[in-house]
Amino acid sequence: DFASLIATDPSSVSTLSEKDFDPRHQYDEAIDAVKKVGNGKVRVFRVEHGQARAEYWVVSLDAESGRVVGLRARSVES
């Protein structure tokens, strides 16, 4: 469960597809980098922090070490 990994309320976490996260392919390089250090697959999570702020986590699993790897982007949305 992703929410327990980042110690947040599970109701604030939603899962997005790659297409929903990046419909204009602006973040292809970042997504590809996460895929490369992980197992080739990514999951995207959105964590809501109030009405106008959110974090996006693009993560994968490093099969060798069993670690979750990826990136976090903070967003102010209107």
Protein backbone atom coordinates (compact mmCIF):
# COMPACT_ATOMS: atom_id res chain seq x y z
CA ASP A 1 0.00 0.00 0.00
CA PHE A 2 1.63 3.23 -1.21
CA ALA A 3 0.03 5.44 1.45
CA SER A 4 1.75 3.49 4.22
CA LEU A 5 5.13 3.94 2.51
CA ILE A 6 4.84 7.71 2.67
CA ALA A 7 2.88 7.80 5.95
CA THR A 8 -0.22 9.58 4.69
CA ASP A 9 -3.97 9.12 4.81
CA PRO A 10 -4.95 6.50 2.19
CA SER A 11 -8.01 8.53 1.19
CA SER A 12 -5.72 11.31 -0.12
CA VAL A 13 -3.95 8.96 -2.57
CA SER A 14 -5.17 8.16 -6.07
CA THR A 15 -3.56 6.19 -8.88
CA LEU A 16 -3.13 7.65 -12.35
CA SER A 17 -2.20 6.05 -15.64
CA GLU A 18 0.89 7.33 -17.44
CA LYS A 19 -1.42 8.81 -20.07
CA ASP A 20 -3.51 10.68 -17.48
CA PHE A 21 -0.38 11.97 -15.74
CA ASP A 22 1.35 13.11 -18.92
CA PRO A 23 -1.13 13.46 -21.82
CA ARG A 24 1.20 15.80 -23.76
CA HIS A 25 4.34 13.69 -23.23
CA GLN A 26 6.13 16.53 -21.44
CA TYR A 27 7.63 14.19 -18.86
CA ASP A 28 8.68 11.28 -21.08
CA GLU A 29 12.37 11.63 -20.10
CA ALA A 30 11.57 11.54 -16.38
CA ILE A 31 9.23 8.57 -16.76
CA ASP A 32 11.79 6.71 -18.88
CA ALA A 33 14.51 7.38 -16.29
CA VAL A 34 12.34 5.86 -13.55
CA LYS A 35 11.60 2.87 -15.78
CA LYS A 36 15.33 2.42 -16.42
CA VAL A 37 16.33 2.34 -12.74
CA GLY A 38 13.35 0.18 -11.88
CA ASN A 39 11.83 -2.92 -13.41
CA GLY A 40 10.63 -1.20 -16.60
CA LYS A 41 7.15 -0.45 -15.28
CA VAL A 42 5.97 2.67 -13.47
CA ARG A 43 3.02 3.58 -11.29
CA VAL A 44 1.89 7.16 -10.82
CA PHE A 45 0.29 8.28 -7.57
CA ARG A 46 -1.31 11.62 -6.76
CA VAL A 47 -1.34 12.66 -3.11
CA GLU A 48 -3.70 15.53 -2.33
CA HIS A 49 -2.64 18.13 0.24
CA GLY A 50 -5.59 20.49 0.61
CA GLN A 51 -7.62 21.96 -2.21
CA ALA A 52 -4.82 23.47 -4.29
CA ARG A 53 -1.69 21.42 -3.57
CA ALA A 54 -0.70 17.92 -4.56
CA GLU A 55 2.31 15.68 -4.96
CA TYR A 56 2.82 13.34 -7.88
CA TRP A 57 4.95 10.26 -7.35
CA VAL A 58 6.31 8.32 -10.33
CA VAL A 59 7.68 5.07 -8.94
CA SER A 60 9.00 1.69 -9.96
CA LEU A 61 10.48 -1.31 -8.18
CA ASP A 62 14.22 -1.99 -8.28
CA ALA A 63 14.10 -5.78 -8.52
CA GLU A 64 17.71 -6.29 -7.42
CA SER A 65 17.45 -4.40 -4.15
CA GLY A 66 13.68 -4.68 -3.63
CA ARG A 67 13.44 -0.92 -3.20
CA VAL A 68 10.89 1.51 -4.52
CA VAL A 69 12.63 4.09 -6.73
CA GLY A 70 11.32 7.14 -8.50
CA LEU A 71 10.59 10.81 -8.21
CA ARG A 72 8.23 13.20 -6.49
CA ALA A 73 6.92 16.43 -7.98
CA ARG A 74 5.03 19.04 -5.98
CA SER A 75 2.22 20.92 -7.63
CA VAL A 76 0.08 23.98 -6.95
CA GLU A 77 -3.17 23.60 -8.85
CA SER A 78 -5.98 26.02 -9.40
